[in-house]
Structure formats: C-alpha cells, structure tokens
Amino acid sequence: MQRVWVVVLSVWAMLAIVAVLAWSSRPPAALPAPSSQTMVVKGPGGKQRLVVLKAPTHATTATSAAVTRG
C-alpha cells in the first residue's frame, strides 16, 4: 500500500511541475497588422484611380521568439 501512495504522490508532483512550467511561460507575441498605402494614379486619358499598395512580407531567420533573461 505504501508503494501505491508513492506512485500517486509522484504523479501529482509531476503534474504540478508541468502546470507551473506551462503557466510561467509567456504567450507568443501577436503579429503586427500589415500596413498598406493608398495612392492616386493617373492612368491613360487622364483618369484617376486609387491604388492600394500592400506592404511586402519578408521572412526572418528567427523561427520562434527567443526568451532571454538576464
């Protein structure tokens, strides 16, 4: 019976450690909204048109947020 209590306590201790580690980590940062720019362009025949230019997306070398503590 003593072994059963040791197993139960060790499982609860492991779950407590996992819970503390899960709640202590920071959530991932939200991505900023892409900005766009609107321009008025004169086309053939002098017609004016609104053109929406989207910001180009670019890749970074970081695959995840690095946690630095110091």
C-alpha atoms as a PDB file:
ATOM      1  CA  MET A   1       0.000   0.000   0.000  1.00  0.00           C
ATOM      2  CA  GLN A   2       2.923   2.300   0.659  1.00  0.00           C
ATOM      3  CA  ARG A   3       4.097   1.911  -2.963  1.00  0.00           C
ATOM      4  CA  VAL A   4       0.686   2.971  -4.222  1.00  0.00           C
ATOM      5  CA  TRP A   5       0.870   6.216  -2.235  1.00  0.00           C
ATOM      6  CA  VAL A   6       4.397   6.853  -3.506  1.00  0.00           C
ATOM      7  CA  VAL A   7       3.208   6.425  -7.102  1.00  0.00           C
ATOM      8  CA  VAL A   8       0.196   8.685  -6.529  1.00  0.00           C
ATOM      9  CA  LEU A   9       2.364  11.396  -4.945  1.00  0.00           C
ATOM     10  CA  SER A  10       4.965  11.195  -7.716  1.00  0.00           C
ATOM     11  CA  VAL A  11       2.276  11.545 -10.405  1.00  0.00           C
ATOM     12  CA  TRP A  12       0.793  14.578  -8.635  1.00  0.00           C
ATOM     13  CA  ALA A  13       4.252  16.113  -8.252  1.00  0.00           C
ATOM     14  CA  MET A  14       4.971  15.635 -11.952  1.00  0.00           C
ATOM     15  CA  LEU A  15       1.636  17.203 -12.906  1.00  0.00           C
ATOM     16  CA  ALA A  16       2.314  20.146 -10.592  1.00  0.00           C
ATOM     17  CA  ILE A  17       5.714  20.744 -12.184  1.00  0.00           C
ATOM     18  CA  VAL A  18       4.244  20.600 -15.695  1.00  0.00           C
ATOM     19  CA  ALA A  19       1.462  23.006 -14.686  1.00  0.00           C
ATOM     20  CA  VAL A  20       3.929  25.508 -13.203  1.00  0.00           C
ATOM     21  CA  LEU A  21       6.095  25.379 -16.327  1.00  0.00           C
ATOM     22  CA  ALA A  22       3.065  25.821 -18.603  1.00  0.00           C
ATOM     23  CA  TRP A  23       1.672  28.796 -16.701  1.00  0.00           C
ATOM     24  CA  SER A  24       5.033  30.518 -16.263  1.00  0.00           C
ATOM     25  CA  SER A  25       5.807  30.674 -19.995  1.00  0.00           C
ATOM     26  CA  ARG A  26       4.886  33.815 -21.896  1.00  0.00           C
ATOM     27  CA  PRO A  27       2.314  33.594 -24.702  1.00  0.00           C
ATOM     28  CA  PRO A  28       3.647  34.157 -28.238  1.00  0.00           C
ATOM     29  CA  ALA A  29       3.654  37.744 -29.437  1.00  0.00           C
ATOM     30  CA  ALA A  30       0.913  38.735 -31.869  1.00  0.00           C
ATOM     31  CA  LEU A  31       1.991  39.584 -35.385  1.00  0.00           C
ATOM     32  CA  PRO A  32       1.631  43.227 -36.354  1.00  0.00           C
ATOM     33  CA  ALA A  33      -1.049  44.029 -38.883  1.00  0.00           C
ATOM     34  CA  PRO A  34       0.348  44.613 -42.358  1.00  0.00           C
ATOM     35  CA  SER A  35       0.258  48.258 -43.320  1.00  0.00           C
ATOM     36  CA  SER A  36      -0.964  49.452 -46.673  1.00  0.00           C
ATOM     37  CA  GLN A  37      -0.636  52.687 -48.572  1.00  0.00           C
ATOM     38  CA  THR A  38      -3.215  54.252 -50.882  1.00  0.00           C
ATOM     39  CA  MET A  39      -2.078  56.283 -53.882  1.00  0.00           C
ATOM     40  CA  VAL A  40      -3.905  58.209 -56.609  1.00  0.00           C
ATOM     41  CA  VAL A  41      -2.541  57.270 -60.025  1.00  0.00           C
ATOM     42  CA  LYS A  42      -3.359  58.969 -63.301  1.00  0.00           C
ATOM     43  CA  GLY A  43      -3.946  56.438 -65.999  1.00  0.00           C
ATOM     44  CA  PRO A  44      -4.216  56.760 -69.767  1.00  0.00           C
ATOM     45  CA  GLY A  45      -6.581  59.525 -70.827  1.00  0.00           C
ATOM     46  CA  GLY A  46      -6.105  61.397 -67.526  1.00  0.00           C
ATOM     47  CA  LYS A  47      -8.348  59.089 -65.491  1.00  0.00           C
ATOM     48  CA  GLN A  48      -7.559  58.978 -61.797  1.00  0.00           C
ATOM     49  CA  ARG A  49      -7.541  55.653 -59.985  1.00  0.00           C
ATOM     50  CA  LEU A  50      -6.970  54.669 -56.391  1.00  0.00           C
ATOM     51  CA  VAL A  51      -4.295  52.016 -55.946  1.00  0.00           C
ATOM     52  CA  VAL A  52      -3.751  50.201 -52.645  1.00  0.00           C
ATOM     53  CA  LEU A  53      -0.142  49.126 -52.136  1.00  0.00           C
ATOM     54  CA  LYS A  54       0.307  46.349 -49.622  1.00  0.00           C
ATOM     55  CA  ALA A  55       3.445  46.178 -47.517  1.00  0.00           C
ATOM     56  CA  PRO A  56       5.780  43.454 -48.720  1.00  0.00           C
ATOM     57  CA  THR A  57       6.142  40.489 -46.421  1.00  0.00           C
ATOM     58  CA  HIS A  58       9.581  39.281 -45.541  1.00  0.00           C
ATOM     59  CA  ALA A  59      10.990  36.239 -43.865  1.00  0.00           C
ATOM     60  CA  THR A  60      13.151  36.353 -40.790  1.00  0.00           C
ATOM     61  CA  THR A  61      15.768  33.926 -39.646  1.00  0.00           C
ATOM     62  CA  ALA A  62      14.115  33.517 -36.240  1.00  0.00           C
ATOM     63  CA  THR A  63      11.628  30.659 -36.172  1.00  0.00           C
ATOM     64  CA  SER A  64      10.375  31.390 -32.669  1.00  0.00           C
ATOM     65  CA  ALA A  65      10.643  34.065 -30.017  1.00  0.00           C
ATOM     66  CA  ALA A  66      13.830  33.725 -28.027  1.00  0.00           C
ATOM     67  CA  VAL A  67      13.464  34.036 -24.284  1.00  0.00           C
ATOM     68  CA  THR A  68      16.340  35.982 -22.796  1.00  0.00           C
ATOM     69  CA  ARG A  69      16.605  36.558 -19.114  1.00  0.00           C
ATOM     70  CA  GLY A  70      19.450  38.410 -17.615  1.00  0.00           C
END
